[in-house]
Amino acid sequence: MNWIAVKYFPLDQDLRLLSDYLRERGLQHRITEENGQLCLAVLDASVIPALQEFLEQYLQGHVELHPASAVQQVVEPGAPTLFEQAASVPVVICLIILSGLGALLVETRVGNSWVHYFTFLDFTGARVIPLAESLAQGEVWRLLTPAFLHFGIFHVLFNSLWMWDLGRRLELFMGKSHFLLFFAITGVAANCVQYFWSNSAGFGGMSGVVYALVGFIAVRQRLAPHPLINVPPALIGFMLFWLVLCMTGAVDYFISGSVANAAHIGGLIAGGVYAFLTRNLYRY
């Protein structure tokens, strides 16, 4: 079972009454000592926002707790199911579904006739329409939608797995609306860097945003660590190794087309800058 830290308290604070209160209401939790502090942790990530709001009210003295009327035997429920985990991160699930649909557009004959609506540059037959012309017609979505286009099953699975792992952390950490904003900003940044670097619109994939997740986590954990985004350093190291490996061209043999390396770098930088600019936000 994976416990998620919600709040830290001074080591000398008596939390027995709080723990009894939460247990009476069926909230599975534990309180342990970590690094000279008391850590309140839960198993179900979906309860964190409401619990954090309650704890703020409790610490400000706006909530009066009464002793438990009787000692109750609590049967601990199991870890959250896959469906419950997915329900707590709807933005991540939507991005994964849209990535799958983008792969179908690229890989199927029927979908191919629709692909040009979502590429960075529009094209009709042999003519490629300049970006300025498309933007003048209001087609601003082109700056973002290449993130959903994927080339082959390996491509979409790789990006979706990392979005599920890292994206979930950030959606729970930031909240749905802020995470959606993060996706839009870093997705546009990654796509623009790739286009202006390669001068080609034949690219796509969520990997630019995935590397934005990596950049955000790496920078934020140095500036203001938080348990929700406390990923093993080896994972960050692997992603950076993969970035370098992709730049060698070795991975091109396993996907259709070539890897959008500039998008990876652009996303990594955009995520790091986003973490720096929002270093005083998302504090619990």
C-alpha atoms as a PDB file:
ATOM      1  CA  MET A   1       0.000   0.000   0.000  1.00  0.00           C
ATOM      2  CA  ASN A   2       1.283   3.455  -0.909  1.00  0.00           C
ATOM      3  CA  TRP A   3       0.763   6.048   1.815  1.00  0.00           C
ATOM      4  CA  ILE A   4       0.548   9.689   0.715  1.00  0.00           C
ATOM      5  CA  ALA A   5       1.699  12.368   3.143  1.00  0.00           C
ATOM      6  CA  VAL A   6      -0.894  15.109   3.659  1.00  0.00           C
ATOM      7  CA  LYS A   7       0.362  17.288   6.511  1.00  0.00           C
ATOM      8  CA  TYR A   8       3.336  17.609   8.851  1.00  0.00           C
ATOM      9  CA  PHE A   9       2.993  18.644  12.509  1.00  0.00           C
ATOM     10  CA  PRO A  10       5.475  19.479  15.286  1.00  0.00           C
ATOM     11  CA  LEU A  11       6.772  16.394  17.067  1.00  0.00           C
ATOM     12  CA  ASP A  12       5.341  17.503  20.427  1.00  0.00           C
ATOM     13  CA  GLN A  13       1.793  18.110  19.130  1.00  0.00           C
ATOM     14  CA  ASP A  14      -0.802  15.707  20.506  1.00  0.00           C
ATOM     15  CA  LEU A  15      -2.755  14.337  17.543  1.00  0.00           C
ATOM     16  CA  ARG A  16      -4.650  11.566  19.347  1.00  0.00           C
ATOM     17  CA  LEU A  17      -7.923  13.482  19.368  1.00  0.00           C
ATOM     18  CA  LEU A  18      -7.562  14.330  15.666  1.00  0.00           C
ATOM     19  CA  SER A  19      -6.747  10.718  14.832  1.00  0.00           C
ATOM     20  CA  ASP A  20      -9.792   9.468  16.774  1.00  0.00           C
ATOM     21  CA  TYR A  21     -11.985  12.010  14.978  1.00  0.00           C
ATOM     22  CA  LEU A  22     -10.794  10.853  11.545  1.00  0.00           C
ATOM     23  CA  ARG A  23     -11.067   7.186  12.483  1.00  0.00           C
ATOM     24  CA  GLU A  24     -14.664   7.619  13.694  1.00  0.00           C
ATOM     25  CA  ARG A  25     -15.503   8.920  10.228  1.00  0.00           C
ATOM     26  CA  GLY A  26     -13.962   5.941   8.492  1.00  0.00           C
ATOM     27  CA  LEU A  27     -10.935   7.757   7.065  1.00  0.00           C
ATOM     28  CA  GLN A  28      -8.034   5.347   6.845  1.00  0.00           C
ATOM     29  CA  HIS A  29      -4.881   7.137   7.906  1.00  0.00           C
ATOM     30  CA  ARG A  30      -1.694   6.814   9.874  1.00  0.00           C
ATOM     31  CA  ILE A  31       0.549   9.162  11.877  1.00  0.00           C
ATOM     32  CA  THR A  32       4.262   8.461  11.908  1.00  0.00           C
ATOM     33  CA  GLU A  33       7.444  10.274  12.866  1.00  0.00           C
ATOM     34  CA  GLU A  34       9.512  11.461   9.886  1.00  0.00           C
ATOM     35  CA  ASN A  35      12.559  13.718  10.031  1.00  0.00           C
ATOM     36  CA  GLY A  36      11.690  15.127  13.429  1.00  0.00           C
ATOM     37  CA  GLN A  37       8.032  15.782  12.561  1.00  0.00           C
ATOM     38  CA  LEU A  38       4.721  13.967  12.800  1.00  0.00           C
ATOM     39  CA  CYS A  39       3.396  13.005   9.365  1.00  0.00           C
ATOM     40  CA  LEU A  40      -0.310  12.442   8.714  1.00  0.00           C
ATOM     41  CA  ALA A  41      -0.740  10.190   5.657  1.00  0.00           C
ATOM     42  CA  VAL A  42      -3.659   8.583   3.823  1.00  0.00           C
ATOM     43  CA  LEU A  43      -4.084   5.885   1.183  1.00  0.00           C
ATOM     44  CA  ASP A  44      -6.849   7.457  -0.895  1.00  0.00           C
ATOM     45  CA  ALA A  45      -5.531  10.451  -2.872  1.00  0.00           C
ATOM     46  CA  SER A  46      -9.056  11.625  -3.675  1.00  0.00           C
ATOM     47  CA  VAL A  47      -9.676  12.695  -0.054  1.00  0.00           C
ATOM     48  CA  ILE A  48      -6.585  14.929   0.145  1.00  0.00           C
ATOM     49  CA  PRO A  49      -8.129  18.270  -1.001  1.00  0.00           C
ATOM     50  CA  ALA A  50     -11.053  18.037   1.434  1.00  0.00           C
ATOM     51  CA  LEU A  51      -8.807  16.790   4.252  1.00  0.00           C
ATOM     52  CA  GLN A  52      -6.320  19.615   3.745  1.00  0.00           C
ATOM     53  CA  GLU A  53      -9.128  22.184   3.921  1.00  0.00           C
ATOM     54  CA  PHE A  54     -10.408  20.555   7.117  1.00  0.00           C
ATOM     55  CA  LEU A  55      -6.921  20.571   8.668  1.00  0.00           C
ATOM     56  CA  GLU A  56      -6.515  24.273   7.913  1.00  0.00           C
ATOM     57  CA  GLN A  57      -9.798  24.970   9.714  1.00  0.00           C
ATOM     58  CA  TYR A  58      -8.686  22.706  12.575  1.00  0.00           C
ATOM     59  CA  LEU A  59      -5.311  24.446  12.992  1.00  0.00           C
ATOM     60  CA  GLN A  60      -6.979  27.868  12.960  1.00  0.00           C
ATOM     61  CA  GLY A  61      -9.253  26.792  15.806  1.00  0.00           C
ATOM     62  CA  HIS A  62     -12.453  26.850  13.740  1.00  0.00           C
ATOM     63  CA  VAL A  63     -13.191  23.160  14.343  1.00  0.00           C
ATOM     64  CA  GLU A  64     -13.899  21.687  17.769  1.00  0.00           C
ATOM     65  CA  LEU A  65     -13.136  18.012  18.126  1.00  0.00           C
ATOM     66  CA  HIS A  66     -14.901  15.883  20.698  1.00  0.00           C
ATOM     67  CA  PRO A  67     -13.417  12.731  22.201  1.00  0.00           C
ATOM     68  CA  ALA A  68     -14.544   9.472  20.674  1.00  0.00           C
ATOM     69  CA  SER A  69     -17.633   8.195  22.457  1.00  0.00           C
ATOM     70  CA  ALA A  70     -16.335   4.656  22.386  1.00  0.00           C
ATOM     71  CA  VAL A  71     -13.432   2.681  21.076  1.00  0.00           C
ATOM     72  CA  GLN A  72     -14.430   1.385  17.677  1.00  0.00           C
ATOM     73  CA  GLN A  73     -12.904  -1.476  15.817  1.00  0.00           C
ATOM     74  CA  VAL A  74     -12.114  -0.308  12.326  1.00  0.00           C
ATOM     75  CA  VAL A  75     -11.531  -2.718   9.500  1.00  0.00           C
ATOM     76  CA  GLU A  76      -9.040  -1.132   7.140  1.00  0.00           C
ATOM     77  CA  PRO A  77     -10.281  -1.070   3.563  1.00  0.00           C
ATOM     78  CA  GLY A  78      -7.994  -2.096   0.755  1.00  0.00           C
ATOM     79  CA  ALA A  79      -5.986   0.276  -1.395  1.00  0.00           C
ATOM     80  CA  PRO A  80      -7.950   2.389  -3.905  1.00  0.00           C
ATOM     81  CA  THR A  81      -8.956   0.484  -7.028  1.00  0.00           C
ATOM     82  CA  LEU A  82      -7.687   1.434 -10.458  1.00  0.00           C
ATOM     83  CA  PHE A  83     -11.076   2.986 -11.238  1.00  0.00           C
ATOM     84  CA  GLU A  84     -10.964   5.078  -8.046  1.00  0.00           C
ATOM     85  CA  GLN A  85      -7.460   6.258  -8.877  1.00  0.00           C
ATOM     86  CA  ALA A  86      -8.526   7.203 -12.410  1.00  0.00           C
ATOM     87  CA  ALA A  87     -11.589   9.061 -11.131  1.00  0.00           C
ATOM     88  CA  SER A  88      -9.351  11.272  -8.987  1.00  0.00           C
ATOM     89  CA  VAL A  89      -7.338  12.498 -12.024  1.00  0.00           C
ATOM     90  CA  PRO A  90      -9.845  13.228 -14.842  1.00  0.00           C
ATOM     91  CA  VAL A  91      -7.482  15.567 -16.732  1.00  0.00           C
ATOM     92  CA  VAL A  92      -4.790  12.894 -16.982  1.00  0.00           C
ATOM     93  CA  ILE A  93      -7.343  10.341 -18.167  1.00  0.00           C
ATOM     94  CA  CYS A  94      -8.642  12.732 -20.836  1.00  0.00           C
ATOM     95  CA  LEU A  95      -5.105  13.405 -22.087  1.00  0.00           C
ATOM     96  CA  ILE A  96      -4.388   9.680 -22.347  1.00  0.00           C
ATOM     97  CA  ILE A  97      -7.657   9.047 -24.211  1.00  0.00           C
ATOM     98  CA  LEU A  98      -6.988  11.931 -26.611  1.00  0.00           C
ATOM     99  CA  SER A  99      -3.491  10.564 -27.219  1.00  0.00           C
ATOM    100  CA  GLY A 100      -5.012   7.209 -28.161  1.00  0.00           C
ATOM    101  CA  LEU A 101      -7.436   8.908 -30.542  1.00  0.00           C
ATOM    102  CA  GLY A 102      -4.551  10.880 -32.023  1.00  0.00           C
ATOM    103  CA  ALA A 103      -2.699   7.635 -32.689  1.00  0.00           C
ATOM    104  CA  LEU A 104      -5.779   6.293 -34.498  1.00  0.00           C
ATOM    105  CA  LEU A 105      -5.876   9.407 -36.687  1.00  0.00           C
ATOM    106  CA  VAL A 106      -2.285   8.848 -37.730  1.00  0.00           C
ATOM    107  CA  GLU A 107      -2.361   5.071 -38.100  1.00  0.00           C
ATOM    108  CA  THR A 108      -5.731   4.490 -39.834  1.00  0.00           C
ATOM    109  CA  ARG A 109      -6.806   5.278 -43.376  1.00  0.00           C
ATOM    110  CA  VAL A 110     -10.006   6.988 -42.252  1.00  0.00           C
ATOM    111  CA  GLY A 111      -8.172   9.019 -39.636  1.00  0.00           C
ATOM    112  CA  ASN A 112      -5.531  10.170 -42.109  1.00  0.00           C
ATOM    113  CA  SER A 113      -8.047  12.401 -43.838  1.00  0.00           C
ATOM    114  CA  TRP A 114      -8.511  14.307 -40.554  1.00  0.00           C
ATOM    115  CA  VAL A 115      -4.901  14.564 -39.426  1.00  0.00           C
ATOM    116  CA  HIS A 116      -4.247  17.883 -41.170  1.00  0.00           C
ATOM    117  CA  TYR A 117      -6.724  19.603 -38.828  1.00  0.00           C
ATOM    118  CA  PHE A 118      -4.441  18.881 -35.865  1.00  0.00           C
ATOM    119  CA  THR A 119      -0.916  19.253 -37.247  1.00  0.00           C
ATOM    120  CA  PHE A 120       1.202  22.298 -36.426  1.00  0.00           C
ATOM    121  CA  LEU A 121       0.944  23.437 -40.054  1.00  0.00           C
ATOM    122  CA  ASP A 122      -2.109  22.747 -42.180  1.00  0.00           C
ATOM    123  CA  PHE A 123      -1.661  21.193 -45.594  1.00  0.00           C
ATOM    124  CA  THR A 124      -3.837  20.541 -48.624  1.00  0.00           C
ATOM    125  CA  GLY A 125      -2.365  18.197 -51.176  1.00  0.00           C
ATOM    126  CA  ALA A 126       1.200  19.314 -51.837  1.00  0.00           C
ATOM    127  CA  ARG A 127       0.731  22.807 -50.369  1.00  0.00           C
ATOM    128  CA  VAL A 128       1.748  23.549 -46.798  1.00  0.00           C
ATOM    129  CA  ILE A 129      -0.134  26.515 -45.345  1.00  0.00           C
ATOM    130  CA  PRO A 130       2.047  28.964 -43.361  1.00  0.00           C
ATOM    131  CA  LEU A 131       1.424  29.143 -39.625  1.00  0.00           C
ATOM    132  CA  ALA A 132       0.658  32.870 -39.733  1.00  0.00           C
ATOM    133  CA  GLU A 133      -2.115  32.250 -42.245  1.00  0.00           C
ATOM    134  CA  SER A 134      -3.687  29.522 -40.091  1.00  0.00           C
ATOM    135  CA  LEU A 135      -3.472  31.641 -36.944  1.00  0.00           C
ATOM    136  CA  ALA A 136      -5.035  34.589 -38.765  1.00  0.00           C
ATOM    137  CA  GLN A 137      -8.008  32.319 -39.468  1.00  0.00           C
ATOM    138  CA  GLY A 138      -8.326  31.552 -35.761  1.00  0.00           C
ATOM    139  CA  GLU A 139      -6.770  28.080 -35.832  1.00  0.00           C
ATOM    140  CA  VAL A 140      -4.821  28.649 -32.618  1.00  0.00           C
ATOM    141  CA  TRP A 141      -5.383  25.050 -31.517  1.00  0.00           C
ATOM    142  CA  ARG A 142      -2.597  23.998 -33.902  1.00  0.00           C
ATOM    143  CA  LEU A 143      -0.056  25.255 -31.375  1.00  0.00           C
ATOM    144  CA  LEU A 144      -1.159  22.514 -28.968  1.00  0.00           C
ATOM    145  CA  THR A 145      -2.870  19.646 -30.812  1.00  0.00           C
ATOM    146  CA  PRO A 146       0.311  17.981 -32.200  1.00  0.00           C
ATOM    147  CA  ALA A 147       0.772  16.743 -28.615  1.00  0.00           C
ATOM    148  CA  PHE A 148      -2.071  14.267 -29.238  1.00  0.00           C
ATOM    149  CA  LEU A 149      -0.725  12.838 -32.507  1.00  0.00           C
ATOM    150  CA  HIS A 150       1.272   9.634 -32.027  1.00  0.00           C
ATOM    151  CA  PHE A 151       3.172   7.424 -34.432  1.00  0.00           C
ATOM    152  CA  GLY A 152       2.803   3.771 -33.532  1.00  0.00           C
ATOM    153  CA  ILE A 153       1.762   1.749 -30.496  1.00  0.00           C
ATOM    154  CA  PHE A 154       5.140   2.066 -28.755  1.00  0.00           C
ATOM    155  CA  HIS A 155       5.000   5.847 -29.008  1.00  0.00           C
ATOM    156  CA  VAL A 156       1.537   6.254 -27.484  1.00  0.00           C
ATOM    157  CA  LEU A 157       2.065   3.592 -24.799  1.00  0.00           C
ATOM    158  CA  PHE A 158       5.364   5.085 -23.653  1.00  0.00           C
ATOM    159  CA  ASN A 159       3.925   8.584 -23.316  1.00  0.00           C
ATOM    160  CA  SER A 160       0.688   7.384 -21.702  1.00  0.00           C
ATOM    161  CA  LEU A 161       2.501   5.350 -19.054  1.00  0.00           C
ATOM    162  CA  TRP A 162       4.635   8.319 -18.037  1.00  0.00           C
ATOM    163  CA  MET A 163       1.591  10.610 -18.076  1.00  0.00           C
ATOM    164  CA  TRP A 164      -0.209   8.143 -15.790  1.00  0.00           C
ATOM    165  CA  ASP A 165       2.705   7.980 -13.368  1.00  0.00           C
ATOM    166  CA  LEU A 166       3.989  11.568 -13.301  1.00  0.00           C
ATOM    167  CA  GLY A 167       0.866  13.373 -14.525  1.00  0.00           C
ATOM    168  CA  ARG A 168      -1.255  11.937 -11.718  1.00  0.00           C
ATOM    169  CA  ARG A 169       1.167  13.318  -9.168  1.00  0.00           C
ATOM    170  CA  LEU A 170       0.977  16.820 -10.613  1.00  0.00           C
ATOM    171  CA  GLU A 171      -2.801  16.843 -11.039  1.00  0.00           C
ATOM    172  CA  LEU A 172      -3.253  15.889  -7.382  1.00  0.00           C
ATOM    173  CA  PHE A 173      -0.547  18.371  -6.389  1.00  0.00           C
ATOM    174  CA  MET A 174      -1.759  21.342  -8.455  1.00  0.00           C
ATOM    175  CA  GLY A 175      -5.459  20.657  -8.793  1.00  0.00           C
ATOM    176  CA  LYS A 176      -7.352  20.028 -12.031  1.00  0.00           C
ATOM    177  CA  SER A 177      -7.548  23.570 -13.421  1.00  0.00           C
ATOM    178  CA  HIS A 178      -3.912  24.422 -12.683  1.00  0.00           C
ATOM    179  CA  PHE A 179      -2.717  21.133 -14.145  1.00  0.00           C
ATOM    180  CA  LEU A 180      -4.732  21.781 -17.310  1.00  0.00           C
ATOM    181  CA  LEU A 181      -3.092  25.216 -17.552  1.00  0.00           C
ATOM    182  CA  PHE A 182       0.324  23.605 -17.041  1.00  0.00           C
ATOM    183  CA  PHE A 183      -0.391  21.153 -19.872  1.00  0.00           C
ATOM    184  CA  ALA A 184      -1.488  23.917 -22.253  1.00  0.00           C
ATOM    185  CA  ILE A 185       1.493  26.178 -21.572  1.00  0.00           C
ATOM    186  CA  THR A 186       4.185  23.512 -21.678  1.00  0.00           C
ATOM    187  CA  GLY A 187       2.569  21.712 -24.621  1.00  0.00           C
ATOM    188  CA  VAL A 188       2.582  24.879 -26.719  1.00  0.00           C
ATOM    189  CA  ALA A 189       6.155  25.649 -25.654  1.00  0.00           C
ATOM    190  CA  ALA A 190       7.399  22.167 -26.605  1.00  0.00           C
ATOM    191  CA  ASN A 191       5.638  22.249 -29.984  1.00  0.00           C
ATOM    192  CA  CYS A 192       6.920  25.719 -30.846  1.00  0.00           C
ATOM    193  CA  VAL A 193      10.504  24.819 -29.955  1.00  0.00           C
ATOM    194  CA  GLN A 194      10.287  21.682 -32.096  1.00  0.00           C
ATOM    195  CA  TYR A 195       8.860  23.565 -35.080  1.00  0.00           C
ATOM    196  CA  PHE A 196      11.300  26.468 -35.007  1.00  0.00           C
ATOM    197  CA  TRP A 197      14.245  24.127 -34.411  1.00  0.00           C
ATOM    198  CA  SER A 198      13.422  21.649 -37.184  1.00  0.00           C
ATOM    199  CA  ASN A 199      11.467  23.985 -39.501  1.00  0.00           C
ATOM    200  CA  SER A 200       9.160  21.025 -40.086  1.00  0.00           C
ATOM    201  CA  ALA A 201       5.601  20.340 -38.966  1.00  0.00           C
ATOM    202  CA  GLY A 202       5.834  16.540 -39.261  1.00  0.00           C
ATOM    203  CA  PHE A 203       5.979  15.870 -35.525  1.00  0.00           C
ATOM    204  CA  GLY A 204       3.673  14.937 -32.702  1.00  0.00           C
ATOM    205  CA  GLY A 205       3.420  13.249 -29.332  1.00  0.00           C
ATOM    206  CA  MET A 206       2.907  13.939 -25.637  1.00  0.00           C
ATOM    207  CA  SER A 207       6.586  13.453 -24.809  1.00  0.00           C
ATOM    208  CA  GLY A 208       7.248  17.208 -24.737  1.00  0.00           C
ATOM    209  CA  VAL A 209       4.700  17.511 -21.922  1.00  0.00           C
ATOM    210  CA  VAL A 210       6.098  14.393 -20.236  1.00  0.00           C
ATOM    211  CA  TYR A 211       9.492  16.080 -20.102  1.00  0.00           C
ATOM    212  CA  ALA A 212       7.788  19.210 -18.781  1.00  0.00           C
ATOM    213  CA  LEU A 213       6.545  17.025 -15.902  1.00  0.00           C
ATOM    214  CA  VAL A 214      10.116  15.849 -15.334  1.00  0.00           C
ATOM    215  CA  GLY A 215      11.443  19.415 -15.411  1.00  0.00           C
ATOM    216  CA  PHE A 216       8.773  20.651 -13.009  1.00  0.00           C
ATOM    217  CA  ILE A 217       9.333  17.852 -10.498  1.00  0.00           C
ATOM    218  CA  ALA A 218      13.133  18.133 -10.620  1.00  0.00           C
ATOM    219  CA  VAL A 219      13.092  21.905  -9.977  1.00  0.00           C
ATOM    220  CA  ARG A 220      10.176  22.029  -7.527  1.00  0.00           C
ATOM    221  CA  GLN A 221      11.618  19.292  -5.321  1.00  0.00           C
ATOM    222  CA  ARG A 222      14.762  21.363  -4.918  1.00  0.00           C
ATOM    223  CA  LEU A 223      12.916  24.605  -4.189  1.00  0.00           C
ATOM    224  CA  ALA A 224       9.970  23.374  -2.100  1.00  0.00           C
ATOM    225  CA  PRO A 225       9.784  19.584  -1.663  1.00  0.00           C
ATOM    226  CA  HIS A 226       6.418  17.895  -1.305  1.00  0.00           C
ATOM    227  CA  PRO A 227       5.613  14.190  -0.765  1.00  0.00           C
ATOM    228  CA  LEU A 228       3.175  14.015  -3.692  1.00  0.00           C
ATOM    229  CA  ILE A 229       5.942  14.729  -6.216  1.00  0.00           C
ATOM    230  CA  ASN A 230       8.745  12.991  -4.349  1.00  0.00           C
ATOM    231  CA  VAL A 231       9.863  10.655  -7.114  1.00  0.00           C
ATOM    232  CA  PRO A 232      13.076   8.605  -6.863  1.00  0.00           C
ATOM    233  CA  PRO A 233      16.116  10.472  -8.231  1.00  0.00           C
ATOM    234  CA  ALA A 234      16.885   7.386 -10.327  1.00  0.00           C
ATOM    235  CA  LEU A 235      13.643   7.962 -12.274  1.00  0.00           C
ATOM    236  CA  ILE A 236      14.623  11.528 -13.135  1.00  0.00           C
ATOM    237  CA  GLY A 237      18.060  10.236 -14.079  1.00  0.00           C
ATOM    238  CA  PHE A 238      16.534   7.600 -16.356  1.00  0.00           C
ATOM    239  CA  MET A 239      14.403  10.183 -18.151  1.00  0.00           C
ATOM    240  CA  LEU A 240      17.433  12.388 -18.742  1.00  0.00           C
ATOM    241  CA  PHE A 241      19.373   9.355 -19.988  1.00  0.00           C
ATOM    242  CA  TRP A 242      16.478   8.569 -22.337  1.00  0.00           C
ATOM    243  CA  LEU A 243      16.573  12.156 -23.593  1.00  0.00           C
ATOM    244  CA  VAL A 244      20.247  11.794 -24.493  1.00  0.00           C
ATOM    245  CA  LEU A 245      19.640   8.354 -26.039  1.00  0.00           C
ATOM    246  CA  CYS A 246      16.880   9.776 -28.249  1.00  0.00           C
ATOM    247  CA  MET A 247      19.223  12.522 -29.407  1.00  0.00           C
ATOM    248  CA  THR A 248      21.635   9.865 -30.700  1.00  0.00           C
ATOM    249  CA  GLY A 249      18.941   8.595 -33.090  1.00  0.00           C
ATOM    250  CA  ALA A 250      18.940   5.046 -31.668  1.00  0.00           C
ATOM    251  CA  VAL A 251      15.244   5.170 -30.732  1.00  0.00           C
ATOM    252  CA  ASP A 252      14.205   6.183 -34.269  1.00  0.00           C
ATOM    253  CA  TYR A 253      14.353   2.541 -35.302  1.00  0.00           C
ATOM    254  CA  PHE A 254      11.432   1.676 -33.008  1.00  0.00           C
ATOM    255  CA  ILE A 255       8.918   4.355 -34.035  1.00  0.00           C
ATOM    256  CA  SER A 256       7.581   5.744 -37.274  1.00  0.00           C
ATOM    257  CA  GLY A 257       9.520   8.895 -38.129  1.00  0.00           C
ATOM    258  CA  SER A 258      12.104  10.495 -35.904  1.00  0.00           C
ATOM    259  CA  VAL A 259      12.009  11.532 -32.252  1.00  0.00           C
ATOM    260  CA  ALA A 260      11.071  15.177 -31.601  1.00  0.00           C
ATOM    261  CA  ASN A 261      14.172  15.899 -29.526  1.00  0.00           C
ATOM    262  CA  ALA A 262      13.702  19.660 -29.565  1.00  0.00           C
ATOM    263  CA  ALA A 263      10.205  19.191 -28.104  1.00  0.00           C
ATOM    264  CA  HIS A 264      11.715  17.131 -25.282  1.00  0.00           C
ATOM    265  CA  ILE A 265      14.240  19.836 -24.469  1.00  0.00           C
ATOM    266  CA  GLY A 266      11.659  22.614 -24.855  1.00  0.00           C
ATOM    267  CA  GLY A 267       9.248  20.785 -22.550  1.00  0.00           C
ATOM    268  CA  LEU A 268      11.952  20.084 -19.972  1.00  0.00           C
ATOM    269  CA  ILE A 269      12.933  23.756 -19.844  1.00  0.00           C
ATOM    270  CA  ALA A 270       9.302  24.956 -19.837  1.00  0.00           C
ATOM    271  CA  GLY A 271       8.450  22.644 -16.931  1.00  0.00           C
ATOM    272  CA  GLY A 272      11.462  23.816 -14.949  1.00  0.00           C
ATOM    273  CA  VAL A 273      10.653  27.482 -15.548  1.00  0.00           C
ATOM    274  CA  TYR A 274       7.006  26.864 -14.585  1.00  0.00           C
ATOM    275  CA  ALA A 275       8.161  25.274 -11.313  1.00  0.00           C
ATOM    276  CA  PHE A 276      10.411  28.237 -10.553  1.00  0.00           C
ATOM    277  CA  LEU A 277       7.707  30.813 -11.287  1.00  0.00           C
ATOM    278  CA  THR A 278       5.119  28.972  -9.170  1.00  0.00           C
ATOM    279  CA  ARG A 279       7.479  28.003  -6.338  1.00  0.00           C
ATOM    280  CA  ASN A 280       5.282  29.794  -3.792  1.00  0.00           C
ATOM    281  CA  LEU A 281       2.070  28.111  -4.979  1.00  0.00           C
ATOM    282  CA  TYR A 282       0.636  24.685  -4.141  1.00  0.00           C
ATOM    283  CA  ARG A 283       1.861  24.766  -0.534  1.00  0.00           C
ATOM    284  CA  TYR A 284      -0.130  22.635   1.857  1.00  0.00           C
END
